[in-house]
């Protein structure tokens, strides 16, 4: 359902759906996404891809409303930030366990909101919530390390 990129060549035989039906289908997807609560959206197993598709398909930028509602709730910020974490595993000869590396994609977060605003919220959340779960602490630390490195 991806919109063909400039310069890409596809024949109608290569496509699952006829190209003239894509705008209608994309509009239906956008309408469904707009009807979701922030919690419903973040609980989608492919929320990261949905966010990027929504951004691409919605000329009215309806995704901005969802991101704003997410950023308004401290409890939703960690799951939202998790959408921008890239994880890679490295196996070396003789190792029985992979080494995991995580990187926060700050540049991609910046496509959806102002990282400075997120930084201020993260600082406040850390100050006010001493009982953050360990995964949320690690996620916040990953974001802060990426933010200070930029």
C-alpha atoms as a PDB file:
ATOM      1  CA  UNK A   1       0.000   0.000   0.000  1.00  0.00           C
ATOM      2  CA  UNK A   2       2.991   2.272  -0.065  1.00  0.00           C
ATOM      3  CA  UNK A   3       2.734   5.234  -2.357  1.00  0.00           C
ATOM      4  CA  UNK A   4       5.092   4.751  -5.301  1.00  0.00           C
ATOM      5  CA  UNK A   5       8.158   6.921  -4.908  1.00  0.00           C
ATOM      6  CA  UNK A   6       9.343   9.297  -7.537  1.00  0.00           C
ATOM      7  CA  UNK A   7      11.398   7.463 -10.118  1.00  0.00           C
ATOM      8  CA  UNK A   8      10.113   3.974  -9.187  1.00  0.00           C
ATOM      9  CA  UNK A   9       8.840   1.902 -12.053  1.00  0.00           C
ATOM     10  CA  UNK A  10       6.046  -0.616 -11.463  1.00  0.00           C
ATOM     11  CA  UNK A  11       3.861  -2.429 -13.897  1.00  0.00           C
ATOM     12  CA  UNK A  12       0.242  -3.100 -12.997  1.00  0.00           C
ATOM     13  CA  UNK A  13       1.168  -6.797 -12.959  1.00  0.00           C
ATOM     14  CA  UNK A  14       3.588  -6.196 -10.036  1.00  0.00           C
ATOM     15  CA  UNK A  15       0.964  -4.527  -7.845  1.00  0.00           C
ATOM     16  CA  UNK A  16      -1.477  -6.383  -5.604  1.00  0.00           C
ATOM     17  CA  UNK A  17      -4.033  -3.597  -5.927  1.00  0.00           C
ATOM     18  CA  UNK A  18      -4.626  -1.361  -8.906  1.00  0.00           C
ATOM     19  CA  UNK A  19      -2.901   1.973  -8.384  1.00  0.00           C
ATOM     20  CA  UNK A  20      -6.165   3.919  -8.771  1.00  0.00           C
ATOM     21  CA  UNK A  21      -7.610   2.183  -5.681  1.00  0.00           C
ATOM     22  CA  UNK A  22      -4.698   3.178  -3.394  1.00  0.00           C
ATOM     23  CA  UNK A  23      -5.841   6.736  -2.558  1.00  0.00           C
ATOM     24  CA  UNK A  24      -9.266   5.456  -1.451  1.00  0.00           C
ATOM     25  CA  UNK A  25      -7.735   2.688   0.646  1.00  0.00           C
ATOM     26  CA  UNK A  26      -5.189   5.073   2.180  1.00  0.00           C
ATOM     27  CA  UNK A  27      -7.995   7.514   3.063  1.00  0.00           C
ATOM     28  CA  UNK A  28      -9.850   4.691   4.828  1.00  0.00           C
ATOM     29  CA  UNK A  29      -6.706   3.789   6.770  1.00  0.00           C
ATOM     30  CA  UNK A  30      -6.202   7.421   7.791  1.00  0.00           C
ATOM     31  CA  UNK A  31      -9.821   7.638   8.953  1.00  0.00           C
ATOM     32  CA  UNK A  32      -9.340   4.500  11.056  1.00  0.00           C
ATOM     33  CA  UNK A  33      -6.119   5.875  12.559  1.00  0.00           C
ATOM     34  CA  UNK A  34      -7.780   9.189  13.389  1.00  0.00           C
ATOM     35  CA  UNK A  35     -10.480   7.309  15.297  1.00  0.00           C
ATOM     36  CA  UNK A  36      -7.969   5.618  17.603  1.00  0.00           C
ATOM     37  CA  UNK A  37      -7.168   6.790  21.099  1.00  0.00           C
ATOM     38  CA  UNK A  38      -3.473   7.289  21.851  1.00  0.00           C
ATOM     39  CA  UNK A  39      -3.535   4.112  23.970  1.00  0.00           C
ATOM     40  CA  UNK A  40      -5.083   2.073  21.143  1.00  0.00           C
ATOM     41  CA  UNK A  41      -2.527   3.425  18.691  1.00  0.00           C
ATOM     42  CA  UNK A  42       0.474   2.676  20.910  1.00  0.00           C
ATOM     43  CA  UNK A  43      -0.818  -0.848  21.548  1.00  0.00           C
ATOM     44  CA  UNK A  44      -0.651  -1.664  17.841  1.00  0.00           C
ATOM     45  CA  UNK A  45       2.173  -4.098  17.160  1.00  0.00           C
ATOM     46  CA  UNK A  46       3.215  -2.058  14.133  1.00  0.00           C
ATOM     47  CA  UNK A  47       2.596   1.438  15.550  1.00  0.00           C
ATOM     48  CA  UNK A  48       5.918   2.747  14.234  1.00  0.00           C
ATOM     49  CA  UNK A  49       5.054   1.830  10.644  1.00  0.00           C
ATOM     50  CA  UNK A  50       1.495   3.114  11.038  1.00  0.00           C
ATOM     51  CA  UNK A  51       2.817   6.473  12.219  1.00  0.00           C
ATOM     52  CA  UNK A  52       5.095   6.820   9.190  1.00  0.00           C
ATOM     53  CA  UNK A  53       2.340   5.724   6.789  1.00  0.00           C
ATOM     54  CA  UNK A  54      -0.113   8.145   8.383  1.00  0.00           C
ATOM     55  CA  UNK A  55       2.395  10.951   8.003  1.00  0.00           C
ATOM     56  CA  UNK A  56       2.838  10.072   4.334  1.00  0.00           C
ATOM     57  CA  UNK A  57      -0.844   9.624   3.465  1.00  0.00           C
ATOM     58  CA  UNK A  58      -2.528  12.430   5.418  1.00  0.00           C
ATOM     59  CA  UNK A  59      -2.148  15.836   3.779  1.00  0.00           C
ATOM     60  CA  UNK A  60      -4.117  17.336   6.690  1.00  0.00           C
ATOM     61  CA  UNK A  61      -1.437  16.201   9.152  1.00  0.00           C
ATOM     62  CA  UNK A  62      -3.947  14.534  11.483  1.00  0.00           C
ATOM     63  CA  UNK A  63      -1.105  12.560  13.060  1.00  0.00           C
ATOM     64  CA  UNK A  64      -0.003  15.784  14.780  1.00  0.00           C
ATOM     65  CA  UNK A  65      -3.112  15.663  16.967  1.00  0.00           C
ATOM     66  CA  UNK A  66      -2.318  12.114  18.082  1.00  0.00           C
ATOM     67  CA  UNK A  67       1.305  12.966  18.866  1.00  0.00           C
ATOM     68  CA  UNK A  68       0.180  16.036  20.815  1.00  0.00           C
ATOM     69  CA  UNK A  69      -2.247  13.935  22.873  1.00  0.00           C
ATOM     70  CA  UNK A  70       0.506  11.397  23.546  1.00  0.00           C
ATOM     71  CA  UNK A  71       2.923  14.085  24.682  1.00  0.00           C
ATOM     72  CA  UNK A  72       0.293  15.476  27.045  1.00  0.00           C
ATOM     73  CA  UNK A  73       0.322  12.269  29.132  1.00  0.00           C
ATOM     74  CA  UNK A  74       3.417  11.228  31.050  1.00  0.00           C
ATOM     75  CA  UNK A  75       2.360   7.575  31.042  1.00  0.00           C
ATOM     76  CA  UNK A  76       2.230   7.501  27.224  1.00  0.00           C
ATOM     77  CA  UNK A  77       5.611   9.103  26.629  1.00  0.00           C
ATOM     78  CA  UNK A  78       7.781   5.996  27.228  1.00  0.00           C
ATOM     79  CA  UNK A  79       5.781   3.767  24.829  1.00  0.00           C
ATOM     80  CA  UNK A  80       5.920   6.563  22.254  1.00  0.00           C
ATOM     81  CA  UNK A  81       9.678   6.948  22.663  1.00  0.00           C
ATOM     82  CA  UNK A  82      10.054   3.184  22.255  1.00  0.00           C
ATOM     83  CA  UNK A  83       8.870   3.587  18.649  1.00  0.00           C
ATOM     84  CA  UNK A  84      12.150   5.355  17.886  1.00  0.00           C
ATOM     85  CA  UNK A  85      14.569   2.794  19.303  1.00  0.00           C
ATOM     86  CA  UNK A  86      16.590   0.725  16.861  1.00  0.00           C
ATOM     87  CA  UNK A  87      17.920  -2.579  18.176  1.00  0.00           C
ATOM     88  CA  UNK A  88      20.591  -4.684  16.513  1.00  0.00           C
ATOM     89  CA  UNK A  89      22.061  -8.012  17.553  1.00  0.00           C
ATOM     90  CA  UNK A  90      25.621  -9.045  16.875  1.00  0.00           C
ATOM     91  CA  UNK A  91      26.774 -12.650  16.938  1.00  0.00           C
ATOM     92  CA  UNK A  92      30.460 -13.420  16.863  1.00  0.00           C
ATOM     93  CA  UNK A  93      32.072 -16.772  16.186  1.00  0.00           C
ATOM     94  CA  UNK A  94      31.968 -18.949  19.270  1.00  0.00           C
ATOM     95  CA  UNK A  95      29.451 -16.810  21.144  1.00  0.00           C
ATOM     96  CA  UNK A  96      26.307 -18.477  22.321  1.00  0.00           C
ATOM     97  CA  UNK A  97      24.573 -15.223  23.121  1.00  0.00           C
ATOM     98  CA  UNK A  98      24.025 -12.214  20.895  1.00  0.00           C
ATOM     99  CA  UNK A  99      25.182  -8.786  21.970  1.00  0.00           C
ATOM    100  CA  UNK A 100      22.322  -6.316  21.688  1.00  0.00           C
ATOM    101  CA  UNK A 101      22.920  -2.702  20.775  1.00  0.00           C
ATOM    102  CA  UNK A 102      20.234  -0.062  21.016  1.00  0.00           C
ATOM    103  CA  UNK A 103      20.219   3.370  19.497  1.00  0.00           C
ATOM    104  CA  UNK A 104      17.645   6.107  19.847  1.00  0.00           C
ATOM    105  CA  UNK A 105      16.732   7.618  16.470  1.00  0.00           C
ATOM    106  CA  UNK A 106      16.459  11.253  17.550  1.00  0.00           C
ATOM    107  CA  UNK A 107      16.364  12.515  13.966  1.00  0.00           C
ATOM    108  CA  UNK A 108      13.253  10.425  13.292  1.00  0.00           C
ATOM    109  CA  UNK A 109      11.576  11.626  16.491  1.00  0.00           C
ATOM    110  CA  UNK A 110      12.219  15.146  15.210  1.00  0.00           C
ATOM    111  CA  UNK A 111      10.012  14.371  12.199  1.00  0.00           C
ATOM    112  CA  UNK A 112       7.013  14.148  14.550  1.00  0.00           C
ATOM    113  CA  UNK A 113       7.712  16.541  17.430  1.00  0.00           C
ATOM    114  CA  UNK A 114      10.288  18.896  18.910  1.00  0.00           C
ATOM    115  CA  UNK A 115      12.955  16.841  20.751  1.00  0.00           C
ATOM    116  CA  UNK A 116      13.590  19.827  23.066  1.00  0.00           C
ATOM    117  CA  UNK A 117       9.989  19.633  24.248  1.00  0.00           C
ATOM    118  CA  UNK A 118      10.378  15.898  24.826  1.00  0.00           C
ATOM    119  CA  UNK A 119      13.629  16.498  26.723  1.00  0.00           C
ATOM    120  CA  UNK A 120      11.885  18.929  29.079  1.00  0.00           C
ATOM    121  CA  UNK A 121       9.071  16.437  29.709  1.00  0.00           C
ATOM    122  CA  UNK A 122      11.519  13.585  30.284  1.00  0.00           C
ATOM    123  CA  UNK A 123      13.426  15.673  32.830  1.00  0.00           C
ATOM    124  CA  UNK A 124      10.205  16.500  34.665  1.00  0.00           C
ATOM    125  CA  UNK A 125       9.040  12.871  34.598  1.00  0.00           C
ATOM    126  CA  UNK A 126      12.356  11.737  36.061  1.00  0.00           C
ATOM    127  CA  UNK A 127      12.185  14.335  38.831  1.00  0.00           C
ATOM    128  CA  UNK A 128       8.573  13.680  39.779  1.00  0.00           C
ATOM    129  CA  UNK A 129       8.374   9.892  39.324  1.00  0.00           C
ATOM    130  CA  UNK A 130      10.930   8.110  41.430  1.00  0.00           C
ATOM    131  CA  UNK A 131       9.093   4.817  40.931  1.00  0.00           C
ATOM    132  CA  UNK A 132       9.650   4.512  37.165  1.00  0.00           C
ATOM    133  CA  UNK A 133       9.937   0.948  35.956  1.00  0.00           C
ATOM    134  CA  UNK A 134      13.382  -0.278  34.936  1.00  0.00           C
ATOM    135  CA  UNK A 135      12.508  -0.517  31.200  1.00  0.00           C
ATOM    136  CA  UNK A 136      11.206   3.056  31.269  1.00  0.00           C
ATOM    137  CA  UNK A 137      14.352   4.252  33.056  1.00  0.00           C
ATOM    138  CA  UNK A 138      16.535   2.576  30.431  1.00  0.00           C
ATOM    139  CA  UNK A 139      14.471   4.060  27.623  1.00  0.00           C
ATOM    140  CA  UNK A 140      14.705   7.541  29.119  1.00  0.00           C
ATOM    141  CA  UNK A 141      18.463   7.140  29.580  1.00  0.00           C
ATOM    142  CA  UNK A 142      18.799   6.038  25.946  1.00  0.00           C
ATOM    143  CA  UNK A 143      16.855   9.117  24.815  1.00  0.00           C
ATOM    144  CA  UNK A 144      18.880  11.460  27.029  1.00  0.00           C
ATOM    145  CA  UNK A 145      22.202  10.016  25.827  1.00  0.00           C
ATOM    146  CA  UNK A 146      21.121  10.500  22.237  1.00  0.00           C
ATOM    147  CA  UNK A 147      19.862  13.995  22.948  1.00  0.00           C
ATOM    148  CA  UNK A 148      23.068  15.156  24.661  1.00  0.00           C
ATOM    149  CA  UNK A 149      25.186  13.582  21.905  1.00  0.00           C
ATOM    150  CA  UNK A 150      23.385  15.577  19.212  1.00  0.00           C
END
